[in-house]
mmCIF file of all heavy atoms, coordinates in Angstrom:
data_MODEL
# 
_entry.id   MODEL 
# 
loop_
_atom_site.group_PDB 
_atom_site.id 
_atom_site.type_symbol 
_atom_site.label_atom_id 
_atom_site.label_alt_id 
_atom_site.label_comp_id 
_atom_site.label_asym_id 
_atom_site.label_entity_id 
_atom_site.label_seq_id 
_atom_site.pdbx_PDB_ins_code 
_atom_site.Cartn_x 
_atom_site.Cartn_y 
_atom_site.Cartn_z 
_atom_site.occupancy 
_atom_site.B_iso_or_equiv 
_atom_site.pdbx_formal_charge 
_atom_site.auth_seq_id 
_atom_site.auth_comp_id 
_atom_site.auth_asym_id 
_atom_site.auth_atom_id 
_atom_site.pdbx_PDB_model_num 
ATOM 1   N N   . ALA A 1 1  ? 0.444   -8.887  4.851   1.00 0.00 ? 1  ALA A N   1 
ATOM 2   C CA  . ALA A 1 1  ? 0.993   -7.548  4.617   1.00 0.00 ? 1  ALA A CA  1 
ATOM 3   C C   . ALA A 1 1  ? 2.294   -7.637  3.875   1.00 0.00 ? 1  ALA A C   1 
ATOM 4   O O   . ALA A 1 1  ? 2.648   -6.718  3.129   1.00 0.00 ? 1  ALA A O   1 
ATOM 5   C CB  . ALA A 1 1  ? 1.185   -6.836  5.989   1.00 0.00 ? 1  ALA A CB  1 
ATOM 6   N N   . PHE A 1 2  ? 3.039   -8.727  4.092   1.00 0.00 ? 2  PHE A N   1 
ATOM 7   C CA  . PHE A 1 2  ? 4.306   -8.878  3.373   1.00 0.00 ? 2  PHE A CA  1 
ATOM 8   C C   . PHE A 1 2  ? 4.061   -9.177  1.885   1.00 0.00 ? 2  PHE A C   1 
ATOM 9   O O   . PHE A 1 2  ? 4.730   -8.636  1.014   1.00 0.00 ? 2  PHE A O   1 
ATOM 10  C CB  . PHE A 1 2  ? 5.133   -10.055 3.968   1.00 0.00 ? 2  PHE A CB  1 
ATOM 11  C CG  . PHE A 1 2  ? 6.413   -10.277 3.259   1.00 0.00 ? 2  PHE A CG  1 
ATOM 12  C CD1 . PHE A 1 2  ? 7.523   -9.443  3.459   1.00 0.00 ? 2  PHE A CD1 1 
ATOM 13  C CD2 . PHE A 1 2  ? 6.601   -11.362 2.398   1.00 0.00 ? 2  PHE A CD2 1 
ATOM 14  C CE1 . PHE A 1 2  ? 8.707   -9.679  2.837   1.00 0.00 ? 2  PHE A CE1 1 
ATOM 15  C CE2 . PHE A 1 2  ? 7.794   -11.570 1.774   1.00 0.00 ? 2  PHE A CE2 1 
ATOM 16  C CZ  . PHE A 1 2  ? 8.853   -10.747 1.946   1.00 0.00 ? 2  PHE A CZ  1 
ATOM 17  N N   . LEU A 1 3  ? 3.041   -10.009 1.595   1.00 0.00 ? 3  LEU A N   1 
ATOM 18  C CA  . LEU A 1 3  ? 2.808   -10.376 0.192   1.00 0.00 ? 3  LEU A CA  1 
ATOM 19  C C   . LEU A 1 3  ? 2.045   -9.289  -0.576  1.00 0.00 ? 3  LEU A C   1 
ATOM 20  O O   . LEU A 1 3  ? 2.335   -9.070  -1.752  1.00 0.00 ? 3  LEU A O   1 
ATOM 21  C CB  . LEU A 1 3  ? 1.940   -11.696 0.168   1.00 0.00 ? 3  LEU A CB  1 
ATOM 22  C CG  . LEU A 1 3  ? 2.680   -12.926 0.715   1.00 0.00 ? 3  LEU A CG  1 
ATOM 23  C CD1 . LEU A 1 3  ? 1.707   -14.120 0.772   1.00 0.00 ? 3  LEU A CD1 1 
ATOM 24  C CD2 . LEU A 1 3  ? 3.912   -13.233 -0.110  1.00 0.00 ? 3  LEU A CD2 1 
ATOM 25  N N   . PHE A 1 4  ? 1.187   -8.559  0.061   1.00 0.00 ? 4  PHE A N   1 
ATOM 26  C CA  . PHE A 1 4  ? 0.350   -7.509  -0.603  1.00 0.00 ? 4  PHE A CA  1 
ATOM 27  C C   . PHE A 1 4  ? 0.352   -6.237  0.250   1.00 0.00 ? 4  PHE A C   1 
ATOM 28  O O   . PHE A 1 4  ? -0.659  -5.903  0.858   1.00 0.00 ? 4  PHE A O   1 
ATOM 29  C CB  . PHE A 1 4  ? -1.066  -7.996  -0.814  1.00 0.00 ? 4  PHE A CB  1 
ATOM 30  C CG  . PHE A 1 4  ? -1.145  -9.346  -1.479  1.00 0.00 ? 4  PHE A CG  1 
ATOM 31  C CD1 . PHE A 1 4  ? -1.497  -10.488 -0.723  1.00 0.00 ? 4  PHE A CD1 1 
ATOM 32  C CD2 . PHE A 1 4  ? -0.927  -9.469  -2.825  1.00 0.00 ? 4  PHE A CD2 1 
ATOM 33  C CE1 . PHE A 1 4  ? -1.583  -11.720 -1.310  1.00 0.00 ? 4  PHE A CE1 1 
ATOM 34  C CE2 . PHE A 1 4  ? -1.029  -10.718 -3.436  1.00 0.00 ? 4  PHE A CE2 1 
ATOM 35  C CZ  . PHE A 1 4  ? -1.340  -11.848 -2.674  1.00 0.00 ? 4  PHE A CZ  1 
ATOM 36  N N   . PRO A 1 5  ? 1.483   -5.537  0.345   1.00 0.00 ? 5  PRO A N   1 
ATOM 37  C CA  . PRO A 1 5  ? 1.536   -4.412  1.311   1.00 0.00 ? 5  PRO A CA  1 
ATOM 38  C C   . PRO A 1 5  ? 0.517   -3.309  1.070   1.00 0.00 ? 5  PRO A C   1 
ATOM 39  O O   . PRO A 1 5  ? -0.132  -2.828  1.980   1.00 0.00 ? 5  PRO A O   1 
ATOM 40  C CB  . PRO A 1 5  ? 2.976   -3.901  1.206   1.00 0.00 ? 5  PRO A CB  1 
ATOM 41  C CG  . PRO A 1 5  ? 3.504   -4.508  -0.035  1.00 0.00 ? 5  PRO A CG  1 
ATOM 42  C CD  . PRO A 1 5  ? 2.720   -5.708  -0.366  1.00 0.00 ? 5  PRO A CD  1 
ATOM 43  N N   . ALA A 1 6  ? 0.405   -2.843  -0.174  1.00 0.00 ? 6  ALA A N   1 
ATOM 44  C CA  . ALA A 1 6  ? -0.513  -1.729  -0.465  1.00 0.00 ? 6  ALA A CA  1 
ATOM 45  C C   . ALA A 1 6  ? -1.960  -2.113  -0.249  1.00 0.00 ? 6  ALA A C   1 
ATOM 46  O O   . ALA A 1 6  ? -2.756  -1.404  0.357   1.00 0.00 ? 6  ALA A O   1 
ATOM 47  C CB  . ALA A 1 6  ? -0.271  -1.243  -1.897  1.00 0.00 ? 6  ALA A CB  1 
ATOM 48  N N   . ILE A 1 7  ? -2.306  -3.321  -0.741  1.00 0.00 ? 7  ILE A N   1 
ATOM 49  C CA  . ILE A 1 7  ? -3.711  -3.783  -0.537  1.00 0.00 ? 7  ILE A CA  1 
ATOM 50  C C   . ILE A 1 7  ? -4.023  -3.964  0.929   1.00 0.00 ? 7  ILE A C   1 
ATOM 51  O O   . ILE A 1 7  ? -5.141  -3.632  1.385   1.00 0.00 ? 7  ILE A O   1 
ATOM 52  C CB  . ILE A 1 7  ? -3.916  -5.083  -1.353  1.00 0.00 ? 7  ILE A CB  1 
ATOM 53  C CG1 . ILE A 1 7  ? -3.767  -4.813  -2.829  1.00 0.00 ? 7  ILE A CG1 1 
ATOM 54  C CG2 . ILE A 1 7  ? -5.278  -5.707  -1.026  1.00 0.00 ? 7  ILE A CG2 1 
ATOM 55  C CD1 . ILE A 1 7  ? -3.753  -6.059  -3.719  1.00 0.00 ? 7  ILE A CD1 1 
ATOM 56  N N   . TRP A 1 8  ? -3.067  -4.513  1.719   1.00 0.00 ? 8  TRP A N   1 
ATOM 57  C CA  . TRP A 1 8  ? -3.288  -4.743  3.119   1.00 0.00 ? 8  TRP A CA  1 
ATOM 58  C C   . TRP A 1 8  ? -3.499  -3.411  3.829   1.00 0.00 ? 8  TRP A C   1 
ATOM 59  O O   . TRP A 1 8  ? -4.435  -3.300  4.669   1.00 0.00 ? 8  TRP A O   1 
ATOM 60  C CB  . TRP A 1 8  ? -2.094  -5.460  3.727   1.00 0.00 ? 8  TRP A CB  1 
ATOM 61  C CG  . TRP A 1 8  ? -2.282  -5.800  5.176   1.00 0.00 ? 8  TRP A CG  1 
ATOM 62  C CD1 . TRP A 1 8  ? -2.844  -6.940  5.659   1.00 0.00 ? 8  TRP A CD1 1 
ATOM 63  C CD2 . TRP A 1 8  ? -1.821  -5.082  6.325   1.00 0.00 ? 8  TRP A CD2 1 
ATOM 64  N NE1 . TRP A 1 8  ? -2.824  -6.896  7.032   1.00 0.00 ? 8  TRP A NE1 1 
ATOM 65  C CE2 . TRP A 1 8  ? -2.205  -5.753  7.464   1.00 0.00 ? 8  TRP A CE2 1 
ATOM 66  C CE3 . TRP A 1 8  ? -1.136  -3.872  6.449   1.00 0.00 ? 8  TRP A CE3 1 
ATOM 67  C CZ2 . TRP A 1 8  ? -1.908  -5.332  8.740   1.00 0.00 ? 8  TRP A CZ2 1 
ATOM 68  C CZ3 . TRP A 1 8  ? -0.846  -3.411  7.758   1.00 0.00 ? 8  TRP A CZ3 1 
ATOM 69  C CH2 . TRP A 1 8  ? -1.262  -4.154  8.838   1.00 0.00 ? 8  TRP A CH2 1 
ATOM 70  N N   . LEU A 1 9  ? -2.735  -2.373  3.510   1.00 0.00 ? 9  LEU A N   1 
ATOM 71  C CA  . LEU A 1 9  ? -2.887  -1.069  4.152   1.00 0.00 ? 9  LEU A CA  1 
ATOM 72  C C   . LEU A 1 9  ? -4.252  -0.453  3.752   1.00 0.00 ? 9  LEU A C   1 
ATOM 73  O O   . LEU A 1 9  ? -4.899  0.132   4.625   1.00 0.00 ? 9  LEU A O   1 
ATOM 74  C CB  . LEU A 1 9  ? -1.746  -0.160  3.760   1.00 0.00 ? 9  LEU A CB  1 
ATOM 75  C CG  . LEU A 1 9  ? -0.419  -0.428  4.479   1.00 0.00 ? 9  LEU A CG  1 
ATOM 76  C CD1 . LEU A 1 9  ? 0.696   0.344   3.783   1.00 0.00 ? 9  LEU A CD1 1 
ATOM 77  C CD2 . LEU A 1 9  ? -0.486  -0.041  5.916   1.00 0.00 ? 9  LEU A CD2 1 
ATOM 78  N N   . LEU A 1 10 ? -4.621  -0.582  2.508   1.00 0.00 ? 10 LEU A N   1 
ATOM 79  C CA  . LEU A 1 10 ? -5.926  -0.045  2.101   1.00 0.00 ? 10 LEU A CA  1 
ATOM 80  C C   . LEU A 1 10 ? -7.067  -0.793  2.781   1.00 0.00 ? 10 LEU A C   1 
ATOM 81  O O   . LEU A 1 10 ? -8.069  -0.207  3.126   1.00 0.00 ? 10 LEU A O   1 
ATOM 82  C CB  . LEU A 1 10 ? -6.059  -0.132  0.564   1.00 0.00 ? 10 LEU A CB  1 
ATOM 83  C CG  . LEU A 1 10 ? -5.106  0.851   -0.181  1.00 0.00 ? 10 LEU A CG  1 
ATOM 84  C CD1 . LEU A 1 10 ? -5.201  0.554   -1.685  1.00 0.00 ? 10 LEU A CD1 1 
ATOM 85  C CD2 . LEU A 1 10 ? -5.419  2.309   0.119   1.00 0.00 ? 10 LEU A CD2 1 
ATOM 86  N N   . PHE A 1 11 ? -6.960  -2.077  2.914   1.00 0.00 ? 11 PHE A N   1 
ATOM 87  C CA  . PHE A 1 11 ? -8.005  -2.884  3.616   1.00 0.00 ? 11 PHE A CA  1 
ATOM 88  C C   . PHE A 1 11 ? -8.096  -2.479  5.074   1.00 0.00 ? 11 PHE A C   1 
ATOM 89  O O   . PHE A 1 11 ? -9.188  -2.511  5.641   1.00 0.00 ? 11 PHE A O   1 
ATOM 90  C CB  . PHE A 1 11 ? -7.638  -4.364  3.488   1.00 0.00 ? 11 PHE A CB  1 
ATOM 91  C CG  . PHE A 1 11 ? -8.685  -5.268  4.114   1.00 0.00 ? 11 PHE A CG  1 
ATOM 92  C CD1 . PHE A 1 11 ? -9.919  -5.475  3.482   1.00 0.00 ? 11 PHE A CD1 1 
ATOM 93  C CD2 . PHE A 1 11 ? -8.440  -5.865  5.294   1.00 0.00 ? 11 PHE A CD2 1 
ATOM 94  C CE1 . PHE A 1 11 ? -10.859 -6.291  4.050   1.00 0.00 ? 11 PHE A CE1 1 
ATOM 95  C CE2 . PHE A 1 11 ? -9.365  -6.690  5.903   1.00 0.00 ? 11 PHE A CE2 1 
ATOM 96  C CZ  . PHE A 1 11 ? -10.605 -6.916  5.273   1.00 0.00 ? 11 PHE A CZ  1 
ATOM 97  N N   . LYS A 1 12 ? -7.016  -2.099  5.692   1.00 0.00 ? 12 LYS A N   1 
ATOM 98  C CA  . LYS A 1 12 ? -6.983  -1.657  7.091   1.00 0.00 ? 12 LYS A CA  1 
ATOM 99  C C   . LYS A 1 12 ? -7.350  -0.158  7.201   1.00 0.00 ? 12 LYS A C   1 
ATOM 100 O O   . LYS A 1 12 ? -7.190  0.407   8.277   1.00 0.00 ? 12 LYS A O   1 
ATOM 101 C CB  . LYS A 1 12 ? -5.617  -1.912  7.726   1.00 0.00 ? 12 LYS A CB  1 
ATOM 102 C CG  . LYS A 1 12 ? -5.233  -3.394  7.831   1.00 0.00 ? 12 LYS A CG  1 
ATOM 103 C CD  . LYS A 1 12 ? -6.092  -4.061  8.779   1.00 0.00 ? 12 LYS A CD  1 
ATOM 104 C CE  . LYS A 1 12 ? -5.677  -5.484  8.964   1.00 0.00 ? 12 LYS A CE  1 
ATOM 105 N NZ  . LYS A 1 12 ? -6.507  -6.196  9.923   1.00 0.00 ? 12 LYS A NZ  1 
ATOM 106 N N   . ARG A 1 13 ? -7.786  0.433   6.137   1.00 0.00 ? 13 ARG A N   1 
ATOM 107 C CA  . ARG A 1 13 ? -8.219  1.823   6.106   1.00 0.00 ? 13 ARG A CA  1 
ATOM 108 C C   . ARG A 1 13 ? -7.110  2.829   6.402   1.00 0.00 ? 13 ARG A C   1 
ATOM 109 O O   . ARG A 1 13 ? -7.389  3.903   6.939   1.00 0.00 ? 13 ARG A O   1 
ATOM 110 C CB  . ARG A 1 13 ? -9.438  1.992   7.037   1.00 0.00 ? 13 ARG A CB  1 
ATOM 111 C CG  . ARG A 1 13 ? -10.645 1.052   6.701   1.00 0.00 ? 13 ARG A CG  1 
ATOM 112 C CD  . ARG A 1 13 ? -11.762 1.220   7.648   1.00 0.00 ? 13 ARG A CD  1 
ATOM 113 N NE  . ARG A 1 13 ? -12.338 2.510   7.581   1.00 0.00 ? 13 ARG A NE  1 
ATOM 114 C CZ  . ARG A 1 13 ? -13.315 2.912   6.748   1.00 0.00 ? 13 ARG A CZ  1 
ATOM 115 N NH1 . ARG A 1 13 ? -13.804 2.081   5.876   1.00 0.00 ? 13 ARG A NH1 1 
ATOM 116 N NH2 . ARG A 1 13 ? -13.793 4.142   6.777   1.00 0.00 ? 13 ARG A NH2 1 
ATOM 117 N N   . GLN A 1 14 ? -5.941  2.461   6.007   1.00 0.00 ? 14 GLN A N   1 
ATOM 118 C CA  . GLN A 1 14 ? -4.791  3.389   6.079   1.00 0.00 ? 14 GLN A CA  1 
ATOM 119 C C   . GLN A 1 14 ? -4.548  3.934   4.735   1.00 0.00 ? 14 GLN A C   1 
ATOM 120 O O   . GLN A 1 14 ? -3.657  3.544   3.996   1.00 0.00 ? 14 GLN A O   1 
ATOM 121 C CB  . GLN A 1 14 ? -3.572  2.654   6.634   1.00 0.00 ? 14 GLN A CB  1 
ATOM 122 C CG  . GLN A 1 14 ? -3.768  2.022   8.011   1.00 0.00 ? 14 GLN A CG  1 
ATOM 123 C CD  . GLN A 1 14 ? -4.044  3.040   9.060   1.00 0.00 ? 14 GLN A CD  1 
ATOM 124 O OE1 . GLN A 1 14 ? -3.382  4.090   9.173   1.00 0.00 ? 14 GLN A OE1 1 
ATOM 125 N NE2 . GLN A 1 14 ? -5.039  2.788   9.862   1.00 0.00 ? 14 GLN A NE2 1 
ATOM 126 N N   . TRP A 1 15 ? -5.406  4.904   4.295   1.00 0.00 ? 15 TRP A N   1 
ATOM 127 C CA  . TRP A 1 15 ? -5.509  5.336   2.916   1.00 0.00 ? 15 TRP A CA  1 
ATOM 128 C C   . TRP A 1 15 ? -4.224  5.965   2.433   1.00 0.00 ? 15 TRP A C   1 
ATOM 129 O O   . TRP A 1 15 ? -3.705  5.629   1.358   1.00 0.00 ? 15 TRP A O   1 
ATOM 130 C CB  . TRP A 1 15 ? -6.691  6.305   2.737   1.00 0.00 ? 15 TRP A CB  1 
ATOM 131 C CG  . TRP A 1 15 ? -7.979  5.788   3.235   1.00 0.00 ? 15 TRP A CG  1 
ATOM 132 C CD1 . TRP A 1 15 ? -8.670  6.285   4.286   1.00 0.00 ? 15 TRP A CD1 1 
ATOM 133 C CD2 . TRP A 1 15 ? -8.690  4.688   2.759   1.00 0.00 ? 15 TRP A CD2 1 
ATOM 134 N NE1 . TRP A 1 15 ? -9.846  5.539   4.425   1.00 0.00 ? 15 TRP A NE1 1 
ATOM 135 C CE2 . TRP A 1 15 ? -9.825  4.517   3.546   1.00 0.00 ? 15 TRP A CE2 1 
ATOM 136 C CE3 . TRP A 1 15 ? -8.436  3.736   1.761   1.00 0.00 ? 15 TRP A CE3 1 
ATOM 137 C CZ2 . TRP A 1 15 ? -10.808 3.512   3.338   1.00 0.00 ? 15 TRP A CZ2 1 
ATOM 138 C CZ3 . TRP A 1 15 ? -9.337  2.695   1.568   1.00 0.00 ? 15 TRP A CZ3 1 
ATOM 139 C CH2 . TRP A 1 15 ? -10.530 2.600   2.345   1.00 0.00 ? 15 TRP A CH2 1 
ATOM 140 N N   . ILE A 1 16 ? -3.685  6.907   3.178   1.00 0.00 ? 16 ILE A N   1 
ATOM 141 C CA  . ILE A 1 16 ? -2.487  7.665   2.706   1.00 0.00 ? 16 ILE A CA  1 
ATOM 142 C C   . ILE A 1 16 ? -1.286  6.712   2.587   1.00 0.00 ? 16 ILE A C   1 
ATOM 143 O O   . ILE A 1 16 ? -0.565  6.724   1.580   1.00 0.00 ? 16 ILE A O   1 
ATOM 144 C CB  . ILE A 1 16 ? -2.180  8.862   3.612   1.00 0.00 ? 16 ILE A CB  1 
ATOM 145 C CG1 . ILE A 1 16 ? -3.348  9.849   3.560   1.00 0.00 ? 16 ILE A CG1 1 
ATOM 146 C CG2 . ILE A 1 16 ? -0.887  9.528   3.253   1.00 0.00 ? 16 ILE A CG2 1 
ATOM 147 C CD1 . ILE A 1 16 ? -3.250  10.985  4.542   1.00 0.00 ? 16 ILE A CD1 1 
ATOM 148 N N   . ALA A 1 17 ? -1.071  5.892   3.599   1.00 0.00 ? 17 ALA A N   1 
ATOM 149 C CA  . ALA A 1 17 ? 0.081   4.973   3.555   1.00 0.00 ? 17 ALA A CA  1 
ATOM 150 C C   . ALA A 1 17 ? -0.122  3.934   2.467   1.00 0.00 ? 17 ALA A C   1 
ATOM 151 O O   . ALA A 1 17 ? 0.809   3.587   1.776   1.00 0.00 ? 17 ALA A O   1 
ATOM 152 C CB  . ALA A 1 17 ? 0.209   4.271   4.910   1.00 0.00 ? 17 ALA A CB  1 
ATOM 153 N N   . GLY A 1 18 ? -1.325  3.452   2.234   1.00 0.00 ? 18 GLY A N   1 
ATOM 154 C CA  . GLY A 1 18 ? -1.590  2.467   1.191   1.00 0.00 ? 18 GLY A CA  1 
ATOM 155 C C   . GLY A 1 18 ? -1.336  3.045   -0.205  1.00 0.00 ? 18 GLY A C   1 
ATOM 156 O O   . GLY A 1 18 ? -0.685  2.394   -1.037  1.00 0.00 ? 18 GLY A O   1 
ATOM 157 N N   . ILE A 1 19 ? -1.773  4.232   -0.396  1.00 0.00 ? 19 ILE A N   1 
ATOM 158 C CA  . ILE A 1 19 ? -1.565  4.859   -1.739  1.00 0.00 ? 19 ILE A CA  1 
ATOM 159 C C   . ILE A 1 19 ? -0.081  5.180   -1.912  1.00 0.00 ? 19 ILE A C   1 
ATOM 160 O O   . ILE A 1 19 ? 0.458   4.954   -2.991  1.00 0.00 ? 19 ILE A O   1 
ATOM 161 C CB  . ILE A 1 19 ? -2.455  6.144   -1.866  1.00 0.00 ? 19 ILE A CB  1 
ATOM 162 C CG1 . ILE A 1 19 ? -3.929  5.731   -1.937  1.00 0.00 ? 19 ILE A CG1 1 
ATOM 163 C CG2 . ILE A 1 19 ? -2.055  6.966   -3.038  1.00 0.00 ? 19 ILE A CG2 1 
ATOM 164 C CD1 . ILE A 1 19 ? -4.884  6.905   -1.792  1.00 0.00 ? 19 ILE A CD1 1 
ATOM 165 N N   . ALA A 1 20 ? 0.593   5.633   -0.860  1.00 0.00 ? 20 ALA A N   1 
ATOM 166 C CA  . ALA A 1 20 ? 2.032   5.915   -0.940  1.00 0.00 ? 20 ALA A CA  1 
ATOM 167 C C   . ALA A 1 20 ? 2.845   4.654   -1.282  1.00 0.00 ? 20 ALA A C   1 
ATOM 168 O O   . ALA A 1 20 ? 3.747   4.677   -2.106  1.00 0.00 ? 20 ALA A O   1 
ATOM 169 C CB  . ALA A 1 20 ? 2.526   6.551   0.346   1.00 0.00 ? 20 ALA A CB  1 
ATOM 170 N N   . VAL A 1 21 ? 2.486   3.570   -0.623  1.00 0.00 ? 21 VAL A N   1 
ATOM 171 C CA  . VAL A 1 21 ? 3.175   2.281   -0.877  1.00 0.00 ? 21 VAL A CA  1 
ATOM 172 C C   . VAL A 1 21 ? 2.914   1.819   -2.283  1.00 0.00 ? 21 VAL A C   1 
ATOM 173 O O   . VAL A 1 21 ? 3.804   1.339   -3.018  1.00 0.00 ? 21 VAL A O   1 
ATOM 174 C CB  . VAL A 1 21 ? 2.777   1.194   0.175   1.00 0.00 ? 21 VAL A CB  1 
ATOM 175 C CG1 . VAL A 1 21 ? 3.225   -0.162  -0.253  1.00 0.00 ? 21 VAL A CG1 1 
ATOM 176 C CG2 . VAL A 1 21 ? 3.366   1.551   1.521   1.00 0.00 ? 21 VAL A CG2 1 
ATOM 177 N N   . ALA A 1 22 ? 1.683   1.918   -2.783  1.00 0.00 ? 22 ALA A N   1 
ATOM 178 C CA  . ALA A 1 22 ? 1.335   1.548   -4.167  1.00 0.00 ? 22 ALA A CA  1 
ATOM 179 C C   . ALA A 1 22 ? 2.139   2.362   -5.168  1.00 0.00 ? 22 ALA A C   1 
ATOM 180 O O   . ALA A 1 22 ? 2.669   1.817   -6.147  1.00 0.00 ? 22 ALA A O   1 
ATOM 181 C CB  . ALA A 1 22 ? -0.174  1.657   -4.405  1.00 0.00 ? 22 ALA A CB  1 
ATOM 182 N N   . ILE A 1 23 ? 2.215   3.676   -4.957  1.00 0.00 ? 23 ILE A N   1 
ATOM 183 C CA  . ILE A 1 23 ? 2.938   4.550   -5.859  1.00 0.00 ? 23 ILE A CA  1 
ATOM 184 C C   . ILE A 1 23 ? 4.446   4.214   -5.820  1.00 0.00 ? 23 ILE A C   1 
ATOM 185 O O   . ILE A 1 23 ? 5.100   4.115   -6.880  1.00 0.00 ? 23 ILE A O   1 
ATOM 186 C CB  . ILE A 1 23 ? 2.708   6.041   -5.511  1.00 0.00 ? 23 ILE A CB  1 
ATOM 187 C CG1 . ILE A 1 23 ? 1.270   6.403   -5.891  1.00 0.00 ? 23 ILE A CG1 1 
ATOM 188 C CG2 . ILE A 1 23 ? 3.709   6.940   -6.208  1.00 0.00 ? 23 ILE A CG2 1 
ATOM 189 C CD1 . ILE A 1 23 ? 0.852   7.791   -5.411  1.00 0.00 ? 23 ILE A CD1 1 
ATOM 190 N N   . LEU A 1 24 ? 4.987   3.991   -4.621  1.00 0.00 ? 24 LEU A N   1 
ATOM 191 C CA  . LEU A 1 24 ? 6.397   3.642   -4.501  1.00 0.00 ? 24 LEU A CA  1 
ATOM 192 C C   . LEU A 1 24 ? 6.710   2.294   -5.194  1.00 0.00 ? 24 LEU A C   1 
ATOM 193 O O   . LEU A 1 24 ? 7.728   2.192   -5.851  1.00 0.00 ? 24 LEU A O   1 
ATOM 194 C CB  . LEU A 1 24 ? 6.788   3.589   -3.004  1.00 0.00 ? 24 LEU A CB  1 
ATOM 195 C CG  . LEU A 1 24 ? 8.278   3.430   -2.727  1.00 0.00 ? 24 LEU A CG  1 
ATOM 196 C CD1 . LEU A 1 24 ? 9.073   4.550   -3.352  1.00 0.00 ? 24 LEU A CD1 1 
ATOM 197 C CD2 . LEU A 1 24 ? 8.506   3.405   -1.254  1.00 0.00 ? 24 LEU A CD2 1 
ATOM 198 N N   . GLN A 1 25 ? 5.769   1.325   -5.066  1.00 0.00 ? 25 GLN A N   1 
ATOM 199 C CA  . GLN A 1 25 ? 5.992   0.052   -5.736  1.00 0.00 ? 25 GLN A CA  1 
ATOM 200 C C   . GLN A 1 25 ? 5.984   0.250   -7.266  1.00 0.00 ? 25 GLN A C   1 
ATOM 201 O O   . GLN A 1 25 ? 6.791   -0.386  -7.961  1.00 0.00 ? 25 GLN A O   1 
ATOM 202 C CB  . GLN A 1 25 ? 4.918   -0.943  -5.336  1.00 0.00 ? 25 GLN A CB  1 
ATOM 203 C CG  . GLN A 1 25 ? 5.141   -1.505  -3.910  1.00 0.00 ? 25 GLN A CG  1 
ATOM 204 C CD  . GLN A 1 25 ? 4.086   -2.548  -3.564  1.00 0.00 ? 25 GLN A CD  1 
ATOM 205 O OE1 . GLN A 1 25 ? 2.885   -2.272  -3.728  1.00 0.00 ? 25 GLN A OE1 1 
ATOM 206 N NE2 . GLN A 1 25 ? 4.529   -3.638  -3.085  1.00 0.00 ? 25 GLN A NE2 1 
ATOM 207 N N   . LEU A 1 26 ? 5.083   1.087   -7.773  1.00 0.00 ? 26 LEU A N   1 
ATOM 208 C CA  . LEU A 1 26 ? 5.040   1.356   -9.199  1.00 0.00 ? 26 LEU A CA  1 
ATOM 209 C C   . LEU A 1 26 ? 6.300   2.034   -9.685  1.00 0.00 ? 26 LEU A C   1 
ATOM 210 O O   . LEU A 1 26 ? 6.883   1.697   -10.751 1.00 0.00 ? 26 LEU A O   1 
ATOM 211 C CB  . LEU A 1 26 ? 3.809   2.136   -9.581  1.00 0.00 ? 26 LEU A CB  1 
ATOM 212 C CG  . LEU A 1 26 ? 2.456   1.418   -9.533  1.00 0.00 ? 26 LEU A CG  1 
ATOM 213 C CD1 . LEU A 1 26 ? 1.328   2.403   -9.668  1.00 0.00 ? 26 LEU A CD1 1 
ATOM 214 C CD2 . LEU A 1 26 ? 2.428   0.328   -10.570 1.00 0.00 ? 26 LEU A CD2 1 
ATOM 215 N N   . VAL A 1 27 ? 6.785   3.011   -8.931  1.00 0.00 ? 27 VAL A N   1 
ATOM 216 C CA  . VAL A 1 27 ? 8.012   3.753   -9.286  1.00 0.00 ? 27 VAL A CA  1 
ATOM 217 C C   . VAL A 1 27 ? 9.183   2.834   -9.302  1.00 0.00 ? 27 VAL A C   1 
ATOM 218 O O   . VAL A 1 27 ? 10.026  2.876   -10.229 1.00 0.00 ? 27 VAL A O   1 
ATOM 219 C CB  . VAL A 1 27 ? 8.232   4.961   -8.332  1.00 0.00 ? 27 VAL A CB  1 
ATOM 220 C CG1 . VAL A 1 27 ? 9.610   5.521   -8.462  1.00 0.00 ? 27 VAL A CG1 1 
ATOM 221 C CG2 . VAL A 1 27 ? 7.140   6.035   -8.569  1.00 0.00 ? 27 VAL A CG2 1 
ATOM 222 N N   . VAL A 1 28 ? 9.318   2.010   -8.260  1.00 0.00 ? 28 VAL A N   1 
ATOM 223 C CA  . VAL A 1 28 ? 10.478  1.024   -8.218  1.00 0.00 ? 28 VAL A CA  1 
ATOM 224 C C   . VAL A 1 28 ? 10.407  0.045   -9.357  1.00 0.00 ? 28 VAL A C   1 
ATOM 225 O O   . VAL A 1 28 ? 11.433  -0.239  -10.006 1.00 0.00 ? 28 VAL A O   1 
ATOM 226 C CB  . VAL A 1 28 ? 10.469  0.302   -6.854  1.00 0.00 ? 28 VAL A CB  1 
ATOM 227 C CG1 . VAL A 1 28 ? 11.402  -0.867  -6.861  1.00 0.00 ? 28 VAL A CG1 1 
ATOM 228 C CG2 . VAL A 1 28 ? 10.814  1.266   -5.728  1.00 0.00 ? 28 VAL A CG2 1 
# 
């Protein structure tokens, strides 16, 4: 989860949090 936070959340079926983390990583 530390190395791949968005992918880990999506794999754990936490869709909204995974997409939000991916968008936040792209923005940063």
